[in-house]
């Protein structure tokens, strides 16, 4: 029995490792299009910034490790050109055909270039690979640019803008959307704009990029352009093989991560899943989700029957020292999904004042009728990850405001406040819903 996996980063290798733990006799082959496997894409902005010292620190495992320690064959620079499911084969770009009994598609995502496709000028970059990031670092060291334009106000765009600022560049962020981080939330956008201004980073929203010239984007002069305007799922070979795509444009799967073709699974940034708040299919490409999807698909490809329940869309990013974390729905998203949302946004200290507690902003969103929590947002310099994770757990448990308000959260003056900001926000939300 042979399991073939297309893609050798988070989701694909998670699937391979789980399948191996379950079935020691299974032949497992991982095909990776690029030259490197098992590397931390989320660390690229920090490699650019200098907080990560070298690319080697972002590489977790090598092909030799998987062969030696887990008896998994990993081929790099092995691009799959087609899936021939009727013959149970994948066709490689070089002409080789490889038989499979089970197949996992983990083809990931790519930058959404839109009208910017084909931009290959030496000063235009995409923060999407180790090699491209190293090229950008060389450009910074040799060409000494002074002005940069970042196209895109998502996670990568905001992180990259901060990294470029540490190199001394004047930075402008341009995005066609009216909000940051793909979250329709005017309050969040206002906070991020004000924070960026403190670091002299200009944020221009609602401005589509019309053209990139060698020395400017639209009317903004620059020496360097970084394209970070979103992602698209790599679904072409799956669609050509007859695998159904979902309403999001990513590959449609059931809760076992199986596609419309029997014995073929899809995981990671190429696949959609269910949103635990709305119940609808969503495409939220995150490394955390990719790893969990891979574990489930690997188990099922090896004969188990496990399920992946879905996500709440929990994410966190640090922009010039400000932590921004969110999960679930914003007010605008909740209204669009048919809820009657109410919200409360408060600011409180994350620990006792006499232990130099820093301000934390918390917003909670709930449904007026059912009083069920729908989403949350946490902003601040410290104590962000733990609080957003509490909200994410509450969303998964379908918790109501009344229960959330009295969660038994820890207190010690050096570490946390007697009334945690989460509980204060819940209290205000409860009062507003009365």
Protein backbone atom coordinates (compact mmCIF):
# COMPACT_ATOMS: atom_id res chain seq x y z
CA UNK A 1 0.00 0.00 0.00
CA UNK A 2 1.47 3.34 -1.07
CA UNK A 3 0.54 6.79 0.21
CA UNK A 4 1.69 9.68 -1.97
CA UNK A 5 1.65 13.20 -0.61
CA UNK A 6 1.94 16.27 -2.84
CA UNK A 7 3.61 18.99 -0.79
CA UNK A 8 6.41 18.80 1.76
CA UNK A 9 5.80 21.60 4.20
CA UNK A 10 3.50 21.79 7.26
CA UNK A 11 0.36 19.97 6.15
CA UNK A 12 2.00 17.36 3.93
CA UNK A 13 4.68 16.33 6.40
CA UNK A 14 2.19 16.29 9.26
CA UNK A 15 0.09 13.85 7.22
CA UNK A 16 3.13 11.71 6.42
CA UNK A 17 4.31 11.55 10.03
CA UNK A 18 0.88 10.64 11.41
CA UNK A 19 0.35 7.95 8.79
CA UNK A 20 3.73 6.43 9.63
CA UNK A 21 2.95 6.25 13.36
CA UNK A 22 -0.26 4.38 12.61
CA UNK A 23 0.98 1.98 9.91
CA UNK A 24 4.64 0.96 9.93
CA UNK A 25 4.19 -1.11 6.74
CA UNK A 26 2.79 1.71 4.61
CA UNK A 27 5.05 3.01 1.82
CA UNK A 28 5.02 6.81 2.02
CA UNK A 29 6.38 9.14 -0.66
CA UNK A 30 6.33 12.94 -0.30
CA UNK A 31 6.79 15.05 -3.44
CA UNK A 32 7.89 18.64 -2.87
CA UNK A 33 8.03 21.09 -5.78
CA UNK A 34 10.61 23.35 -4.15
CA UNK A 35 14.18 22.74 -3.01
CA UNK A 36 13.44 22.81 0.74
CA UNK A 37 11.01 20.96 2.99
CA UNK A 38 9.71 21.57 6.50
CA UNK A 39 10.52 25.25 6.79
CA UNK A 40 8.75 27.94 8.80
CA UNK A 41 7.17 30.37 6.35
CA UNK A 42 5.77 32.43 9.22
CA UNK A 43 9.34 33.26 10.22
CA UNK A 44 10.21 35.05 6.97
CA UNK A 45 9.38 38.57 8.21
CA UNK A 46 11.63 37.97 11.23
CA UNK A 47 14.44 36.74 8.98
CA UNK A 48 14.01 39.99 7.06
CA UNK A 49 14.01 41.99 10.26
CA UNK A 50 17.08 40.24 11.67
CA UNK A 51 15.48 38.66 14.74
CA UNK A 52 16.07 35.32 12.98
CA UNK A 53 19.75 35.24 12.12
CA UNK A 54 19.86 32.81 9.21
CA UNK A 55 17.64 30.72 6.96
CA UNK A 56 18.93 27.56 8.63
CA UNK A 57 17.05 28.50 11.81
CA UNK A 58 13.78 28.29 9.85
CA UNK A 59 14.41 24.79 8.50
CA UNK A 60 12.97 22.22 10.89
CA UNK A 61 13.79 18.91 9.18
CA UNK A 62 15.65 17.65 6.13
CA UNK A 63 14.67 14.90 3.66
CA UNK A 64 17.45 12.76 5.14
CA UNK A 65 15.86 13.01 8.59
CA UNK A 66 12.53 11.67 7.31
CA UNK A 67 14.21 8.84 5.45
CA UNK A 68 16.46 7.88 8.37
CA UNK A 69 14.15 8.40 11.35
CA UNK A 70 10.69 7.77 9.90
CA UNK A 71 11.23 5.65 6.79
CA UNK A 72 9.47 8.26 4.65
CA UNK A 73 10.82 8.98 1.16
CA UNK A 74 10.92 12.73 0.48
CA UNK A 75 11.77 14.02 -2.99
CA UNK A 76 12.55 17.71 -3.48
CA UNK A 77 12.32 19.58 -6.81
CA UNK A 78 9.64 17.03 -7.72
CA UNK A 79 6.80 18.96 -9.35
CA UNK A 80 3.53 17.12 -9.94
CA UNK A 81 2.04 18.06 -13.30
CA UNK A 82 -1.18 16.03 -13.10
CA UNK A 83 -3.24 13.66 -10.99
CA UNK A 84 -4.52 10.69 -13.00
CA UNK A 85 -7.00 9.25 -10.56
CA UNK A 86 -8.53 6.64 -12.85
CA UNK A 87 -5.09 5.03 -13.05
CA UNK A 88 -4.22 5.94 -9.43
CA UNK A 89 -1.12 7.80 -10.63
CA UNK A 90 0.52 11.21 -10.33
CA UNK A 91 2.48 12.47 -13.33
CA UNK A 92 5.64 14.40 -12.55
CA UNK A 93 6.86 17.31 -14.66
CA UNK A 94 9.80 15.22 -15.87
CA UNK A 95 7.52 12.51 -17.28
CA UNK A 96 7.71 9.95 -14.47
CA UNK A 97 4.46 8.41 -13.26
CA UNK A 98 4.05 7.25 -9.68
CA UNK A 99 1.32 4.90 -8.49
CA UNK A 100 -0.68 5.62 -5.33
CA UNK A 101 -3.33 3.81 -3.32
CA UNK A 102 -4.08 6.87 -1.19
CA UNK A 103 -3.25 10.47 -2.07
CA UNK A 104 -2.95 13.63 0.03
CA UNK A 105 -2.97 16.96 -1.81
CA UNK A 106 -1.08 19.62 0.18
CA UNK A 107 -0.20 22.03 -2.60
CA UNK A 108 -0.48 25.16 -0.44
CA UNK A 109 -1.12 28.68 -1.69
CA UNK A 110 0.66 31.36 -3.69
CA UNK A 111 0.71 35.17 -3.72
CA UNK A 112 -2.35 36.76 -5.34
CA UNK A 113 -0.69 39.09 -7.80
CA UNK A 114 -3.82 40.13 -9.70
CA UNK A 115 -2.96 42.87 -12.16
CA UNK A 116 0.62 42.84 -10.86
CA UNK A 117 1.38 39.46 -12.45
CA UNK A 118 4.60 39.51 -14.42
CA UNK A 119 6.35 42.13 -12.30
CA UNK A 120 9.94 40.91 -12.40
CA UNK A 121 11.91 44.11 -11.84
CA UNK A 122 14.97 43.69 -9.63
CA UNK A 123 13.46 45.91 -6.93
CA UNK A 124 10.10 44.06 -6.76
CA UNK A 125 9.90 41.29 -4.16
CA UNK A 126 7.47 38.76 -2.66
CA UNK A 127 8.02 37.41 0.83
CA UNK A 128 6.99 33.88 -0.07
CA UNK A 129 10.13 31.73 0.04
CA UNK A 130 13.51 31.47 1.71
CA UNK A 131 15.24 32.22 -1.57
CA UNK A 132 13.17 35.35 -2.25
CA UNK A 133 13.75 36.64 1.28
CA UNK A 134 17.49 36.14 0.90
CA UNK A 135 17.38 38.03 -2.40
CA UNK A 136 15.62 40.89 -0.64
CA UNK A 137 18.24 40.93 2.12
CA UNK A 138 21.03 41.12 -0.44
CA UNK A 139 19.24 43.99 -2.16
CA UNK A 140 19.01 45.86 1.15
CA UNK A 141 22.70 45.33 1.85
CA UNK A 142 24.06 46.13 -1.62
CA UNK A 143 21.63 48.65 -3.15
CA UNK A 144 20.82 50.54 0.07
CA UNK A 145 17.24 51.55 -0.84
CA UNK A 146 15.74 54.46 1.10
CA UNK A 147 12.01 54.22 0.31
CA UNK A 148 9.75 51.16 0.17
CA UNK A 149 6.14 50.54 -0.81
CA UNK A 150 4.41 47.47 0.62
CA UNK A 151 1.35 46.37 -1.36
CA UNK A 152 -1.05 44.72 1.06
CA UNK A 153 -2.14 45.41 4.65
CA UNK A 154 -2.52 41.80 5.73
CA UNK A 155 -0.35 39.83 8.14
CA UNK A 156 2.71 39.62 5.90
CA UNK A 157 2.39 43.19 4.67
CA UNK A 158 2.22 44.69 8.15
CA UNK A 159 5.02 42.50 9.50
CA UNK A 160 7.21 43.23 6.49
CA UNK A 161 6.59 46.97 6.80
CA UNK A 162 7.85 46.87 10.38
CA UNK A 163 10.88 44.81 9.32
CA UNK A 164 11.77 47.25 6.54
CA UNK A 165 11.43 50.14 8.98
CA UNK A 166 14.10 48.54 11.20
CA UNK A 167 16.42 48.75 8.18
CA UNK A 168 15.86 52.51 8.12
CA UNK A 169 13.59 52.72 5.08
CA UNK A 170 10.68 55.12 4.74
CA UNK A 171 7.70 52.78 4.30
CA UNK A 172 4.27 53.26 2.75
CA UNK A 173 1.61 50.52 2.84
CA UNK A 174 -1.00 50.56 0.07
CA UNK A 175 -4.10 48.35 -0.02
CA UNK A 176 -7.28 48.46 -2.08
CA UNK A 177 -9.36 47.39 0.93
CA UNK A 178 -10.75 49.86 3.46
CA UNK A 179 -9.50 47.88 6.44
CA UNK A 180 -6.44 45.98 7.67
CA UNK A 181 -5.90 42.26 8.24
CA UNK A 182 -8.92 41.30 6.10
CA UNK A 183 -11.18 42.13 9.06
CA UNK A 184 -13.93 44.71 8.50
CA UNK A 185 -13.45 46.53 11.81
CA UNK A 186 -13.09 50.35 11.75
CA UNK A 187 -11.85 50.42 15.35
CA UNK A 188 -9.07 47.95 14.64
CA UNK A 189 -8.04 49.82 11.50
CA UNK A 190 -7.93 53.13 13.40
CA UNK A 191 -5.75 51.62 16.13
CA UNK A 192 -3.33 50.05 13.67
CA UNK A 193 -3.11 53.27 11.65
CA UNK A 194 -2.28 55.29 14.75
CA UNK A 195 0.31 52.75 15.86
CA UNK A 196 2.00 52.72 12.46
CA UNK A 197 2.14 56.50 12.45
CA UNK A 198 4.17 56.36 15.68
CA UNK A 199 6.79 54.47 13.68
CA UNK A 200 6.43 56.80 10.69
CA UNK A 201 4.86 54.16 8.48
CA UNK A 202 2.20 55.58 6.18
CA UNK A 203 -0.97 53.50 5.67
CA UNK A 204 -3.07 54.21 2.58
CA UNK A 205 -6.26 52.18 2.30
CA UNK A 206 -8.92 52.11 -0.40
CA UNK A 207 -6.23 52.65 -3.03
CA UNK A 208 -5.90 49.99 -5.74
CA UNK A 209 -2.46 49.68 -7.27
CA UNK A 210 -2.74 50.89 -10.85
CA UNK A 211 0.86 50.41 -11.95
CA UNK A 212 4.34 49.66 -10.70
CA UNK A 213 7.06 51.70 -12.35
CA UNK A 214 10.80 51.24 -11.72
CA UNK A 215 10.78 54.17 -9.29
CA UNK A 216 7.21 54.46 -8.04
CA UNK A 217 3.91 52.74 -7.21
CA UNK A 218 0.96 54.87 -8.33
CA UNK A 219 2.22 58.34 -7.34
CA UNK A 220 4.47 57.18 -4.50
CA UNK A 221 8.24 57.30 -5.19
CA UNK A 222 10.15 54.24 -4.01
CA UNK A 223 13.31 52.19 -4.46
CA UNK A 224 11.81 48.88 -3.35
CA UNK A 225 8.39 47.23 -3.76
CA UNK A 226 7.16 44.32 -1.65
CA UNK A 227 4.04 42.52 -2.91
CA UNK A 228 1.98 41.10 -0.04
CA UNK A 229 -1.55 41.44 -1.33
CA UNK A 230 -3.01 38.13 -0.27
CA UNK A 231 -2.96 34.48 -1.31
CA UNK A 232 -4.70 32.11 -3.70
CA UNK A 233 -5.04 28.35 -3.10
CA UNK A 234 -3.07 26.13 -5.47
CA UNK A 235 -5.95 24.04 -6.79
CA UNK A 236 -5.29 23.75 -10.51
CA UNK A 237 -4.02 20.16 -10.68
CA UNK A 238 -6.77 19.07 -8.28
CA UNK A 239 -9.50 20.70 -10.36
CA UNK A 240 -8.08 19.22 -13.58
CA UNK A 241 -8.25 15.79 -11.94
CA UNK A 242 -11.96 16.23 -11.27
CA UNK A 243 -11.71 17.11 -7.58
CA UNK A 244 -14.54 19.43 -6.55
CA UNK A 245 -13.74 22.95 -5.42
CA UNK A 246 -15.82 24.64 -2.72
CA UNK A 247 -17.54 28.01 -2.64
CA UNK A 248 -14.33 29.61 -1.34
CA UNK A 249 -12.33 28.53 -4.39
CA UNK A 250 -10.29 26.08 -2.33
CA UNK A 251 -10.68 22.29 -2.45
CA UNK A 252 -13.90 21.07 -0.87
CA UNK A 253 -13.44 18.40 1.80
CA UNK A 254 -15.58 16.61 4.34
CA UNK A 255 -14.67 16.51 8.04
CA UNK A 256 -12.34 13.56 7.36
CA UNK A 257 -10.41 15.83 4.94
CA UNK A 258 -11.47 13.58 2.05
CA UNK A 259 -12.24 15.19 -1.30
CA UNK A 260 -14.89 14.28 -3.85
CA UNK A 261 -12.56 11.52 -5.11
CA UNK A 262 -12.44 8.38 -2.99
CA UNK A 263 -9.10 7.93 -1.22
CA UNK A 264 -7.89 11.46 -2.09
CA UNK A 265 -7.50 13.96 0.74
CA UNK A 266 -6.72 17.69 0.72
CA UNK A 267 -5.11 19.62 3.56
CA UNK A 268 -3.52 22.94 4.41
CA UNK A 269 -3.65 26.16 2.44
CA UNK A 270 -5.25 24.54 -0.62
CA UNK A 271 -8.29 23.21 1.27
CA UNK A 272 -11.35 24.72 2.88
CA UNK A 273 -12.93 23.65 6.15
CA UNK A 274 -15.93 24.51 8.35
CA UNK A 275 -16.18 27.64 10.48
CA UNK A 276 -17.19 26.63 14.01
CA UNK A 277 -19.25 29.79 14.56
CA UNK A 278 -21.19 29.95 11.29
CA UNK A 279 -21.05 26.31 10.21
CA UNK A 280 -20.20 27.48 6.69
CA UNK A 281 -17.16 26.52 4.59
CA UNK A 282 -14.22 28.92 4.93
CA UNK A 283 -10.71 29.21 3.56
CA UNK A 284 -8.37 30.54 6.23
CA UNK A 285 -4.76 29.65 5.31
CA UNK A 286 -2.82 29.37 8.58
CA UNK A 287 0.00 27.08 9.68
CA UNK A 288 -1.86 25.95 12.79
CA UNK A 289 -4.81 24.76 10.72
CA UNK A 290 -2.56 23.10 8.15
CA UNK A 291 -0.82 20.96 10.76
CA UNK A 292 -4.10 19.78 12.29
CA UNK A 293 -5.64 19.02 8.91
CA UNK A 294 -2.55 17.02 7.99
CA UNK A 295 -2.74 14.91 11.14
CA UNK A 296 -6.35 13.95 10.43
CA UNK A 297 -5.78 13.20 6.74
CA UNK A 298 -2.69 11.16 7.50
CA UNK A 299 -4.57 9.09 10.06
CA UNK A 300 -7.46 8.43 7.69
CA UNK A 301 -5.17 7.60 4.78
CA UNK A 302 -3.61 4.98 7.06
CA UNK A 303 -6.94 3.37 7.88
CA UNK A 304 -8.32 5.34 10.83
CA UNK A 305 -11.60 7.30 10.82
CA UNK A 306 -10.83 10.64 12.46
CA UNK A 307 -12.43 14.02 11.88
CA UNK A 308 -11.34 17.63 11.81
CA UNK A 309 -14.11 19.75 13.39
CA UNK A 310 -13.19 23.09 11.83
CA UNK A 311 -11.77 26.43 12.90
CA UNK A 312 -12.73 29.74 14.45
CA UNK A 313 -10.09 31.62 12.46
CA UNK A 314 -7.81 32.38 15.41
CA UNK A 315 -4.77 34.41 14.40
CA UNK A 316 -2.16 36.64 15.96
CA UNK A 317 0.43 39.04 14.59
CA UNK A 318 2.95 41.51 15.98
CA UNK A 319 3.33 44.86 14.24
CA UNK A 320 6.08 47.16 15.51
CA UNK A 321 5.70 45.72 19.01
CA UNK A 322 1.88 45.77 19.05
CA UNK A 323 0.23 42.37 19.37
CA UNK A 324 -3.00 41.97 17.39
CA UNK A 325 -5.04 38.81 17.93
CA UNK A 326 -8.50 37.89 16.66
CA UNK A 327 -10.85 34.97 16.47
CA UNK A 328 -14.37 34.35 15.25
CA UNK A 329 -16.43 37.12 13.70
CA UNK A 330 -16.26 40.89 13.81
CA UNK A 331 -19.50 42.86 14.18
CA UNK A 332 -19.72 43.42 10.42
CA UNK A 333 -19.03 39.76 9.65
CA UNK A 334 -21.58 38.60 12.23
CA UNK A 335 -24.24 40.85 10.73
CA UNK A 336 -23.42 39.58 7.25
CA UNK A 337 -23.86 35.99 8.48
CA UNK A 338 -27.36 36.72 9.73
CA UNK A 339 -26.69 37.27 13.44
CA UNK A 340 -27.92 40.27 15.46
CA UNK A 341 -24.55 41.26 16.91
CA UNK A 342 -23.75 43.28 20.01
CA UNK A 343 -20.24 44.16 21.12
CA UNK A 344 -18.22 45.71 23.91
CA UNK A 345 -14.67 47.06 23.62
CA UNK A 346 -12.76 47.97 26.75
CA UNK A 347 -9.22 48.83 27.83
CA UNK A 348 -7.76 47.49 31.07
CA UNK A 349 -4.39 46.52 32.52
CA UNK A 350 -3.12 43.02 31.86
CA UNK A 351 -1.73 42.76 35.41
CA UNK A 352 -1.68 44.84 38.60
CA UNK A 353 -0.83 48.53 38.19
CA UNK A 354 1.85 48.32 40.88
CA UNK A 355 3.56 45.62 38.80
CA UNK A 356 3.66 47.93 35.77
CA UNK A 357 0.66 46.38 34.09
CA UNK A 358 0.33 47.45 30.45
CA UNK A 359 -2.95 48.38 28.75
CA UNK A 360 -4.80 45.67 26.85
CA UNK A 361 -7.78 46.27 24.58
CA UNK A 362 -10.41 43.54 24.44
CA UNK A 363 -13.50 43.39 22.24
CA UNK A 364 -16.13 40.67 22.51
CA UNK A 365 -18.93 40.09 19.99
CA UNK A 366 -22.08 38.12 20.78
CA UNK A 367 -25.52 37.45 19.34
CA UNK A 368 -28.23 39.55 20.98
CA UNK A 369 -30.88 36.82 20.83
CA UNK A 370 -29.00 33.69 21.86
CA UNK A 371 -26.30 35.52 23.89
CA UNK A 372 -23.75 33.20 22.31
CA UNK A 373 -20.23 34.55 21.85
CA UNK A 374 -19.35 35.06 18.18
CA UNK A 375 -15.88 36.56 18.16
CA UNK A 376 -13.20 38.54 19.90
CA UNK A 377 -10.21 40.83 19.48
CA UNK A 378 -7.24 41.49 21.79
CA UNK A 379 -4.67 44.25 21.30
CA UNK A 380 -1.64 45.09 23.39
CA UNK A 381 2.05 44.60 24.01
CA UNK A 382 1.77 41.70 26.47
CA UNK A 383 -0.64 38.92 27.42
CA UNK A 384 -2.24 38.72 23.99
CA UNK A 385 -1.88 35.06 23.00
CA UNK A 386 -3.33 33.59 26.19
CA UNK A 387 -6.40 35.80 26.11
CA UNK A 388 -7.28 35.21 22.47
CA UNK A 389 -6.90 31.47 23.08
CA UNK A 390 -9.43 31.67 25.93
CA UNK A 391 -11.90 33.37 23.57
CA UNK A 392 -11.22 30.77 20.86
CA UNK A 393 -11.92 27.96 23.33
CA UNK A 394 -15.15 29.67 24.36
CA UNK A 395 -16.25 29.91 20.71
CA UNK A 396 -15.54 26.22 20.14
CA UNK A 397 -17.63 25.42 23.23
CA UNK A 398 -20.47 27.69 21.98
CA UNK A 399 -20.26 29.57 25.27
CA UNK A 400 -22.76 32.28 26.20
CA UNK A 401 -21.93 35.69 27.70
CA UNK A 402 -23.32 34.75 31.09
CA UNK A 403 -20.98 31.76 31.42
CA UNK A 404 -17.95 33.55 30.01
CA UNK A 405 -18.28 36.43 32.49
CA UNK A 406 -17.59 34.11 35.42
CA UNK A 407 -14.77 31.98 34.03
CA UNK A 408 -12.36 31.02 36.80
CA UNK A 409 -9.25 32.76 35.47
CA UNK A 410 -5.96 32.92 37.36
CA UNK A 411 -4.84 35.93 39.41
CA UNK A 412 -1.47 36.90 40.85
CA UNK A 413 -0.33 40.55 40.88
CA UNK A 414 2.92 40.01 38.92
CA UNK A 415 1.12 37.97 36.25
CA UNK A 416 -2.57 38.87 35.99
CA UNK A 417 -5.22 41.19 37.35
CA UNK A 418 -7.93 40.18 39.80
CA UNK A 419 -10.51 41.14 37.15
CA UNK A 420 -9.03 39.97 33.89
CA UNK A 421 -9.72 42.25 30.89
CA UNK A 422 -11.69 39.38 29.35
CA UNK A 423 -14.10 39.32 32.28
CA UNK A 424 -14.43 43.11 32.28
CA UNK A 425 -15.31 43.03 28.58
CA UNK A 426 -17.86 40.26 29.19
CA UNK A 427 -19.44 42.28 31.99
CA UNK A 428 -19.81 45.33 29.74
CA UNK A 429 -21.20 43.15 26.97
CA UNK A 430 -23.74 41.65 29.36
CA UNK A 431 -24.83 45.08 30.57
CA UNK A 432 -25.23 46.28 26.99
CA UNK A 433 -27.39 43.30 26.11
CA UNK A 434 -29.78 43.72 29.00
